[in-house]
Amino acid sequence: MKSQVNDKDKLADKIDSDDKEKIESALTEALEWLDENQSADKDDYVEKLKEIEAVCNPVIKAEYEKSGASSTAGSEDDDDDHDEL
């Protein structure tokens, strides 16, 4: 996630700065938590992952929907050109 947010070929130029800051802040917090809680049990790790996903997933989903909507706008008729197997 961290590399995607900072990579200009991926999400860096596509998401707005507020969302990028939210994601980066959540990731930094999670990495600090991991450093401080290396002996935590699996449930704690899963809970932390859910917290990160709650921040990142809505931003990523919105971006994919935005980019997908523009790229699939004319492809609805393309399904008619393919035979079923």
PDB file of N, CA and C in Angstrom:
ATOM      1  N   MET A   1       0.830  -1.186   0.000  1.00  0.00           N
ATOM      2  CA  MET A   1       0.000   0.000   0.000  1.00  0.00           C
ATOM      3  C   MET A   1       0.874   1.248   0.000  1.00  0.00           C
ATOM      4  N   LYS A   2       1.905   1.216   0.814  1.00  0.00           N
ATOM      5  CA  LYS A   2       2.786   2.387   0.902  1.00  0.00           C
ATOM      6  C   LYS A   2       3.438   2.673  -0.452  1.00  0.00           C
ATOM      7  N   SER A   3       3.885   1.641  -1.136  1.00  0.00           N
ATOM      8  CA  SER A   3       4.521   1.861  -2.435  1.00  0.00           C
ATOM      9  C   SER A   3       3.510   2.330  -3.478  1.00  0.00           C
ATOM     10  N   GLN A   4       2.283   1.838  -3.413  1.00  0.00           N
ATOM     11  CA  GLN A   4       1.264   2.269  -4.371  1.00  0.00           C
ATOM     12  C   GLN A   4       0.909   3.734  -4.196  1.00  0.00           C
ATOM     13  N   VAL A   5       0.850   4.192  -2.953  1.00  0.00           N
ATOM     14  CA  VAL A   5       0.487   5.577  -2.674  1.00  0.00           C
ATOM     15  C   VAL A   5       1.586   6.531  -3.123  1.00  0.00           C
ATOM     16  N   ASN A   6       2.821   6.063  -3.131  1.00  0.00           N
ATOM     17  CA  ASN A   6       3.935   6.930  -3.492  1.00  0.00           C
ATOM     18  C   ASN A   6       4.410   6.752  -4.931  1.00  0.00           C
ATOM     19  N   ASP A   7       3.928   5.747  -5.630  1.00  0.00           N
ATOM     20  CA  ASP A   7       4.355   5.462  -6.995  1.00  0.00           C
ATOM     21  C   ASP A   7       3.482   6.233  -7.979  1.00  0.00           C
ATOM     22  N   LYS A   8       4.099   7.095  -8.757  1.00  0.00           N
ATOM     23  CA  LYS A   8       3.356   7.919  -9.717  1.00  0.00           C
ATOM     24  C   LYS A   8       2.677   7.080 -10.802  1.00  0.00           C
ATOM     25  N   ASP A   9       3.184   5.883 -11.081  1.00  0.00           N
ATOM     26  CA  ASP A   9       2.559   5.022 -12.070  1.00  0.00           C
ATOM     27  C   ASP A   9       1.337   4.298 -11.501  1.00  0.00           C
ATOM     28  N   LYS A  10       1.164   4.350 -10.200  1.00  0.00           N
ATOM     29  CA  LYS A  10       0.043   3.650  -9.575  1.00  0.00           C
ATOM     30  C   LYS A  10      -0.972   4.650  -9.048  1.00  0.00           C
ATOM     31  N   LEU A  11      -0.897   5.021  -7.779  1.00  0.00           N
ATOM     32  CA  LEU A  11      -1.934   5.873  -7.190  1.00  0.00           C
ATOM     33  C   LEU A  11      -1.482   7.281  -6.830  1.00  0.00           C
ATOM     34  N   ALA A  12      -0.209   7.537  -6.799  1.00  0.00           N
ATOM     35  CA  ALA A  12       0.301   8.814  -6.281  1.00  0.00           C
ATOM     36  C   ALA A  12      -0.343  10.032  -6.939  1.00  0.00           C
ATOM     37  N   ASP A  13      -0.526   9.999  -8.226  1.00  0.00           N
ATOM     38  CA  ASP A  13      -1.101  11.147  -8.928  1.00  0.00           C
ATOM     39  C   ASP A  13      -2.618  11.078  -9.042  1.00  0.00           C
ATOM     40  N   LYS A  14      -3.214   9.972  -8.619  1.00  0.00           N
ATOM     41  CA  LYS A  14      -4.642   9.793  -8.816  1.00  0.00           C
ATOM     42  C   LYS A  14      -5.470  10.145  -7.591  1.00  0.00           C
ATOM     43  N   ILE A  15      -4.938   9.951  -6.405  1.00  0.00           N
ATOM     44  CA  ILE A  15      -5.714  10.259  -5.207  1.00  0.00           C
ATOM     45  C   ILE A  15      -5.392  11.660  -4.716  1.00  0.00           C
ATOM     46  N   ASP A  16      -6.365  12.288  -4.079  1.00  0.00           N
ATOM     47  CA  ASP A  16      -6.118  13.653  -3.617  1.00  0.00           C
ATOM     48  C   ASP A  16      -5.219  13.646  -2.374  1.00  0.00           C
ATOM     49  N   SER A  17      -4.664  14.787  -2.085  1.00  0.00           N
ATOM     50  CA  SER A  17      -3.651  14.874  -1.028  1.00  0.00           C
ATOM     51  C   SER A  17      -4.211  14.545   0.351  1.00  0.00           C
ATOM     52  N   ASP A  18      -5.471  14.878   0.619  1.00  0.00           N
ATOM     53  CA  ASP A  18      -6.067  14.551   1.919  1.00  0.00           C
ATOM     54  C   ASP A  18      -6.152  13.039   2.117  1.00  0.00           C
ATOM     55  N   ASP A  19      -6.613  12.324   1.091  1.00  0.00           N
ATOM     56  CA  ASP A  19      -6.698  10.869   1.176  1.00  0.00           C
ATOM     57  C   ASP A  19      -5.316  10.251   1.299  1.00  0.00           C
ATOM     58  N   LYS A  20      -4.363  10.793   0.561  1.00  0.00           N
ATOM     59  CA  LYS A  20      -3.000  10.281   0.626  1.00  0.00           C
ATOM     60  C   LYS A  20      -2.435  10.459   2.038  1.00  0.00           C
ATOM     61  N   GLU A  21      -2.696  11.607   2.642  1.00  0.00           N
ATOM     62  CA  GLU A  21      -2.216  11.849   4.002  1.00  0.00           C
ATOM     63  C   GLU A  21      -2.871  10.897   4.996  1.00  0.00           C
ATOM     64  N   LYS A  22      -4.176  10.634   4.829  1.00  0.00           N
ATOM     65  CA  LYS A  22      -4.880   9.691   5.706  1.00  0.00           C
ATOM     66  C   LYS A  22      -4.238   8.312   5.631  1.00  0.00           C
ATOM     67  N   ILE A  23      -3.982   7.862   4.406  1.00  0.00           N
ATOM     68  CA  ILE A  23      -3.403   6.536   4.217  1.00  0.00           C
ATOM     69  C   ILE A  23      -1.995   6.486   4.796  1.00  0.00           C
ATOM     70  N   GLU A  24      -1.188   7.482   4.475  1.00  0.00           N
ATOM     71  CA  GLU A  24       0.180   7.492   4.982  1.00  0.00           C
ATOM     72  C   GLU A  24       0.217   7.540   6.502  1.00  0.00           C
ATOM     73  N   SER A  25      -0.666   8.303   7.098  1.00  0.00           N
ATOM     74  CA  SER A  25      -0.730   8.392   8.556  1.00  0.00           C
ATOM     75  C   SER A  25      -1.127   7.044   9.164  1.00  0.00           C
ATOM     76  N   ALA A  26      -2.123   6.401   8.582  1.00  0.00           N
ATOM     77  CA  ALA A  26      -2.559   5.094   9.073  1.00  0.00           C
ATOM     78  C   ALA A  26      -1.456   4.052   8.933  1.00  0.00           C
ATOM     79  N   LEU A  27      -0.735   4.099   7.817  1.00  0.00           N
ATOM     80  CA  LEU A  27       0.355   3.146   7.604  1.00  0.00           C
ATOM     81  C   LEU A  27       1.512   3.387   8.566  1.00  0.00           C
ATOM     82  N   THR A  28       1.843   4.639   8.798  1.00  0.00           N
ATOM     83  CA  THR A  28       2.910   4.969   9.743  1.00  0.00           C
ATOM     84  C   THR A  28       2.538   4.493  11.142  1.00  0.00           C
ATOM     85  N   GLU A  29       1.302   4.748  11.529  1.00  0.00           N
ATOM     86  CA  GLU A  29       0.829   4.302  12.836  1.00  0.00           C
ATOM     87  C   GLU A  29       0.895   2.779  12.959  1.00  0.00           C
ATOM     88  N   ALA A  30       0.487   2.092  11.902  1.00  0.00           N
ATOM     89  CA  ALA A  30       0.506   0.626  11.915  1.00  0.00           C
ATOM     90  C   ALA A  30       1.926   0.085  12.006  1.00  0.00           C
ATOM     91  N   LEU A  31       2.849   0.691  11.274  1.00  0.00           N
ATOM     92  CA  LEU A  31       4.240   0.239  11.329  1.00  0.00           C
ATOM     93  C   LEU A  31       4.837   0.465  12.716  1.00  0.00           C
ATOM     94  N   GLU A  32       4.509   1.592  13.325  1.00  0.00           N
ATOM     95  CA  GLU A  32       4.977   1.847  14.686  1.00  0.00           C
ATOM     96  C   GLU A  32       4.386   0.826  15.648  1.00  0.00           C
ATOM     97  N   TRP A  33       3.098   0.523  15.470  1.00  0.00           N
ATOM     98  CA  TRP A  33       2.442  -0.467  16.317  1.00  0.00           C
ATOM     99  C   TRP A  33       3.111  -1.827  16.158  1.00  0.00           C
ATOM    100  N   LEU A  34       3.426  -2.193  14.922  1.00  0.00           N
ATOM    101  CA  LEU A  34       4.094  -3.476  14.677  1.00  0.00           C
ATOM    102  C   LEU A  34       5.447  -3.541  15.372  1.00  0.00           C
ATOM    103  N   ASP A  35       6.206  -2.460  15.306  1.00  0.00           N
ATOM    104  CA  ASP A  35       7.507  -2.424  15.968  1.00  0.00           C
ATOM    105  C   ASP A  35       7.371  -2.591  17.482  1.00  0.00           C
ATOM    106  N   GLU A  36       6.330  -1.997  18.054  1.00  0.00           N
ATOM    107  CA  GLU A  36       6.143  -2.019  19.498  1.00  0.00           C
ATOM    108  C   GLU A  36       5.418  -3.271  19.994  1.00  0.00           C
ATOM    109  N   ASN A  37       4.800  -4.021  19.110  1.00  0.00           N
ATOM    110  CA  ASN A  37       3.966  -5.162  19.509  1.00  0.00           C
ATOM    111  C   ASN A  37       4.335  -6.435  18.756  1.00  0.00           C
ATOM    112  N   GLN A  38       5.600  -6.717  18.657  1.00  0.00           N
ATOM    113  CA  GLN A  38       6.042  -7.895  17.909  1.00  0.00           C
ATOM    114  C   GLN A  38       5.602  -9.208  18.544  1.00  0.00           C
ATOM    115  N   SER A  39       5.271  -9.174  19.817  1.00  0.00           N
ATOM    116  CA  SER A  39       4.839 -10.402  20.482  1.00  0.00           C
ATOM    117  C   SER A  39       3.315 -10.486  20.604  1.00  0.00           C
ATOM    118  N   ALA A  40       2.599  -9.633  19.903  1.00  0.00           N
ATOM    119  CA  ALA A  40       1.136  -9.650  19.946  1.00  0.00           C
ATOM    120  C   ALA A  40       0.615 -10.950  19.331  1.00  0.00           C
ATOM    121  N   ASP A  41      -0.595 -11.308  19.717  1.00  0.00           N
ATOM    122  CA  ASP A  41      -1.164 -12.531  19.145  1.00  0.00           C
ATOM    123  C   ASP A  41      -1.860 -12.239  17.818  1.00  0.00           C
ATOM    124  N   LYS A  42      -2.276 -13.296  17.160  1.00  0.00           N
ATOM    125  CA  LYS A  42      -2.848 -13.183  15.817  1.00  0.00           C
ATOM    126  C   LYS A  42      -4.069 -12.267  15.788  1.00  0.00           C
ATOM    127  N   ASP A  43      -4.920 -12.363  16.789  1.00  0.00           N
ATOM    128  CA  ASP A  43      -6.134 -11.530  16.819  1.00  0.00           C
ATOM    129  C   ASP A  43      -5.796 -10.045  16.834  1.00  0.00           C
ATOM    130  N   ASP A  44      -4.733  -9.680  17.524  1.00  0.00           N
ATOM    131  CA  ASP A  44      -4.318  -8.276  17.559  1.00  0.00           C
ATOM    132  C   ASP A  44      -3.859  -7.813  16.178  1.00  0.00           C
ATOM    133  N   TYR A  45      -3.115  -8.673  15.499  1.00  0.00           N
ATOM    134  CA  TYR A  45      -2.657  -8.337  14.148  1.00  0.00           C
ATOM    135  C   TYR A  45      -3.836  -8.202  13.182  1.00  0.00           C
ATOM    136  N   VAL A  46      -4.779  -9.106  13.295  1.00  0.00           N
ATOM    137  CA  VAL A  46      -5.955  -9.071  12.430  1.00  0.00           C
ATOM    138  C   VAL A  46      -6.749  -7.791  12.687  1.00  0.00           C
ATOM    139  N   GLU A  47      -6.896  -7.411  13.949  1.00  0.00           N
ATOM    140  CA  GLU A  47      -7.610  -6.188  14.286  1.00  0.00           C
ATOM    141  C   GLU A  47      -6.907  -4.958  13.707  1.00  0.00           C
ATOM    142  N   LYS A  48      -5.587  -4.926  13.799  1.00  0.00           N
ATOM    143  CA  LYS A  48      -4.824  -3.797  13.250  1.00  0.00           C
ATOM    144  C   LYS A  48      -4.971  -3.755  11.734  1.00  0.00           C
ATOM    145  N   LEU A  49      -4.955  -4.904  11.096  1.00  0.00           N
ATOM    146  CA  LEU A  49      -5.143  -4.968   9.649  1.00  0.00           C
ATOM    147  C   LEU A  49      -6.514  -4.416   9.259  1.00  0.00           C
ATOM    148  N   LYS A  50      -7.538  -4.761  10.013  1.00  0.00           N
ATOM    149  CA  LYS A  50      -8.887  -4.260   9.727  1.00  0.00           C
ATOM    150  C   LYS A  50      -8.939  -2.740   9.860  1.00  0.00           C
ATOM    151  N   GLU A  51      -8.225  -2.194  10.831  1.00  0.00           N
ATOM    152  CA  GLU A  51      -8.181  -0.741  10.997  1.00  0.00           C
ATOM    153  C   GLU A  51      -7.559  -0.071   9.771  1.00  0.00           C
ATOM    154  N   ILE A  52      -6.478  -0.651   9.280  1.00  0.00           N
ATOM    155  CA  ILE A  52      -5.810  -0.106   8.092  1.00  0.00           C
ATOM    156  C   ILE A  52      -6.711  -0.228   6.871  1.00  0.00           C
ATOM    157  N   GLU A  53      -7.341  -1.374   6.722  1.00  0.00           N
ATOM    158  CA  GLU A  53      -8.237  -1.575   5.585  1.00  0.00           C
ATOM    159  C   GLU A  53      -9.406  -0.604   5.613  1.00  0.00           C
ATOM    160  N   ALA A  54      -9.892  -0.265   6.807  1.00  0.00           N
ATOM    161  CA  ALA A  54     -11.008   0.672   6.933  1.00  0.00           C
ATOM    162  C   ALA A  54     -10.628   2.060   6.431  1.00  0.00           C
ATOM    163  N   VAL A  55      -9.361   2.392   6.506  1.00  0.00           N
ATOM    164  CA  VAL A  55      -8.884   3.688   6.004  1.00  0.00           C
ATOM    165  C   VAL A  55      -8.577   3.599   4.512  1.00  0.00           C
ATOM    166  N   CYS A  56      -7.881   2.565   4.112  1.00  0.00           N
ATOM    167  CA  CYS A  56      -7.378   2.473   2.733  1.00  0.00           C
ATOM    168  C   CYS A  56      -8.413   2.012   1.715  1.00  0.00           C
ATOM    169  N   ASN A  57      -9.196   1.019   2.055  1.00  0.00           N
ATOM    170  CA  ASN A  57     -10.096   0.428   1.065  1.00  0.00           C
ATOM    171  C   ASN A  57     -11.100   1.401   0.457  1.00  0.00           C
ATOM    172  N   PRO A  58     -11.732   2.274   1.241  1.00  0.00           N
ATOM    173  CA  PRO A  58     -12.677   3.207   0.595  1.00  0.00           C
ATOM    174  C   PRO A  58     -12.010   4.133  -0.422  1.00  0.00           C
ATOM    175  N   VAL A  59     -10.793   4.560  -0.130  1.00  0.00           N
ATOM    176  CA  VAL A  59     -10.072   5.447  -1.044  1.00  0.00           C
ATOM    177  C   VAL A  59      -9.712   4.689  -2.318  1.00  0.00           C
ATOM    178  N   ILE A  60      -9.180   3.487  -2.157  1.00  0.00           N
ATOM    179  CA  ILE A  60      -8.777   2.683  -3.313  1.00  0.00           C
ATOM    180  C   ILE A  60      -9.996   2.297  -4.142  1.00  0.00           C
ATOM    181  N   LYS A  61     -11.060   1.884  -3.473  1.00  0.00           N
ATOM    182  CA  LYS A  61     -12.273   1.495  -4.191  1.00  0.00           C
ATOM    183  C   LYS A  61     -12.827   2.656  -5.010  1.00  0.00           C
ATOM    184  N   ALA A  62     -12.880   3.822  -4.410  1.00  0.00           N
ATOM    185  CA  ALA A  62     -13.386   4.993  -5.121  1.00  0.00           C
ATOM    186  C   ALA A  62     -12.524   5.310  -6.334  1.00  0.00           C
ATOM    187  N   GLU A  63     -11.235   5.175  -6.195  1.00  0.00           N
ATOM    188  CA  GLU A  63     -10.331   5.468  -7.315  1.00  0.00           C
ATOM    189  C   GLU A  63     -10.497   4.454  -8.439  1.00  0.00           C
ATOM    190  N   TYR A  64     -10.622   3.171  -8.080  1.00  0.00           N
ATOM    191  CA  TYR A  64     -10.831   2.151  -9.109  1.00  0.00           C
ATOM    192  C   TYR A  64     -12.178   2.328  -9.804  1.00  0.00           C
ATOM    193  N   GLU A  65     -13.199   2.689  -9.045  1.00  0.00           N
ATOM    194  CA  GLU A  65     -14.500   2.917  -9.658  1.00  0.00           C
ATOM    195  C   GLU A  65     -14.453   4.103 -10.599  1.00  0.00           C
ATOM    196  N   LYS A  66     -13.740   5.135 -10.194  1.00  0.00           N
ATOM    197  CA  LYS A  66     -13.617   6.326 -11.039  1.00  0.00           C
ATOM    198  C   LYS A  66     -12.872   5.985 -12.328  1.00  0.00           C
ATOM    199  N   SER A  67     -11.773   5.266 -12.215  1.00  0.00           N
ATOM    200  CA  SER A  67     -10.999   4.925 -13.413  1.00  0.00           C
ATOM    201  C   SER A  67     -11.685   3.827 -14.216  1.00  0.00           C
ATOM    202  N   GLY A  68     -12.362   2.914 -13.556  1.00  0.00           N
ATOM    203  CA  GLY A  68     -13.072   1.838 -14.243  1.00  0.00           C
ATOM    204  C   GLY A  68     -14.289   2.334 -14.976  1.00  0.00           C
ATOM    205  N   ALA A  69     -14.959   3.324 -14.426  1.00  0.00           N
ATOM    206  CA  ALA A  69     -16.157   3.860 -15.066  1.00  0.00           C
ATOM    207  C   ALA A  69     -15.823   4.498 -16.400  1.00  0.00           C
ATOM    208  N   SER A  70     -14.678   5.156 -16.473  1.00  0.00           N
ATOM    209  CA  SER A  70     -14.312   5.796 -17.730  1.00  0.00           C
ATOM    210  C   SER A  70     -13.797   4.793 -18.752  1.00  0.00           C
ATOM    211  N   SER A  71     -13.164   3.711 -18.289  1.00  0.00           N
ATOM    212  CA  SER A  71     -12.608   2.751 -19.239  1.00  0.00           C
ATOM    213  C   SER A  71     -13.632   1.722 -19.695  1.00  0.00           C
ATOM    214  N   THR A  72     -14.720   1.522 -18.938  1.00  0.00           N
ATOM    215  CA  THR A  72     -15.718   0.531 -19.338  1.00  0.00           C
ATOM    216  C   THR A  72     -16.972   1.157 -19.922  1.00  0.00           C
ATOM    217  N   ALA A  73     -17.002   2.446 -20.079  1.00  0.00           N
ATOM    218  CA  ALA A  73     -18.202   3.128 -20.554  1.00  0.00           C
ATOM    219  C   ALA A  73     -18.652   2.617 -21.916  1.00  0.00           C
ATOM    220  N   GLY A  74     -17.743   2.337 -22.809  1.00  0.00           N
ATOM    221  CA  GLY A  74     -18.124   1.890 -24.143  1.00  0.00           C
ATOM    222  C   GLY A  74     -18.002   0.404 -24.342  1.00  0.00           C
ATOM    223  N   SER A  75     -17.735  -0.357 -23.297  1.00  0.00           N
ATOM    224  CA  SER A  75     -17.474  -1.782 -23.471  1.00  0.00           C
ATOM    225  C   SER A  75     -18.692  -2.657 -23.242  1.00  0.00           C
ATOM    226  N   GLU A  76     -19.850  -2.098 -22.950  1.00  0.00           N
ATOM    227  CA  GLU A  76     -21.031  -2.909 -22.694  1.00  0.00           C
ATOM    228  C   GLU A  76     -21.446  -3.697 -23.925  1.00  0.00           C
ATOM    229  N   ASP A  77     -21.303  -3.145 -25.097  1.00  0.00           N
ATOM    230  CA  ASP A  77     -21.678  -3.828 -26.321  1.00  0.00           C
ATOM    231  C   ASP A  77     -20.649  -4.853 -26.752  1.00  0.00           C
ATOM    232  N   ASP A  78     -19.455  -4.811 -26.179  1.00  0.00           N
ATOM    233  CA  ASP A  78     -18.399  -5.734 -26.551  1.00  0.00           C
ATOM    234  C   ASP A  78     -18.741  -7.172 -26.175  1.00  0.00           C
ATOM    235  N   ASP A  79     -19.577  -7.373 -25.165  1.00  0.00           N
ATOM    236  CA  ASP A  79     -19.930  -8.718 -24.741  1.00  0.00           C
ATOM    237  C   ASP A  79     -20.695  -9.468 -25.824  1.00  0.00           C
ATOM    238  N   ASP A  80     -21.417  -8.770 -26.666  1.00  0.00           N
ATOM    239  CA  ASP A  80     -22.185  -9.394 -27.727  1.00  0.00           C
ATOM    240  C   ASP A  80     -21.302  -9.981 -28.817  1.00  0.00           C
ATOM    241  N   ASP A  81     -20.070  -9.540 -28.917  1.00  0.00           N
ATOM    242  CA  ASP A  81     -19.166  -9.991 -29.954  1.00  0.00           C
ATOM    243  C   ASP A  81     -18.475 -11.314 -29.622  1.00  0.00           C
ATOM    244  N   HIS A  82     -18.653 -11.813 -28.391  1.00  0.00           N
ATOM    245  CA  HIS A  82     -17.968 -13.032 -27.970  1.00  0.00           C
ATOM    246  C   HIS A  82     -18.969 -14.178 -27.855  1.00  0.00           C
ATOM    247  N   ASP A  83     -18.550 -15.334 -28.377  1.00  0.00           N
ATOM    248  CA  ASP A  83     -19.378 -16.522 -28.270  1.00  0.00           C
ATOM    249  C   ASP A  83     -19.176 -17.170 -26.908  1.00  0.00           C
ATOM    250  N   GLU A  84     -20.242 -17.776 -26.397  1.00  0.00           N
ATOM    251  CA  GLU A  84     -20.121 -18.514 -25.151  1.00  0.00           C
ATOM    252  C   GLU A  84     -19.456 -19.845 -25.431  1.00  0.00           C
ATOM    253  N   LEU A  85     -18.772 -20.352 -24.426  1.00  0.00           N
ATOM    254  CA  LEU A  85     -18.113 -21.656 -24.576  1.00  0.00           C
ATOM    255  C   LEU A  85     -19.041 -22.778 -24.212  1.00  0.00           C
TER     256      LEU A  85
END
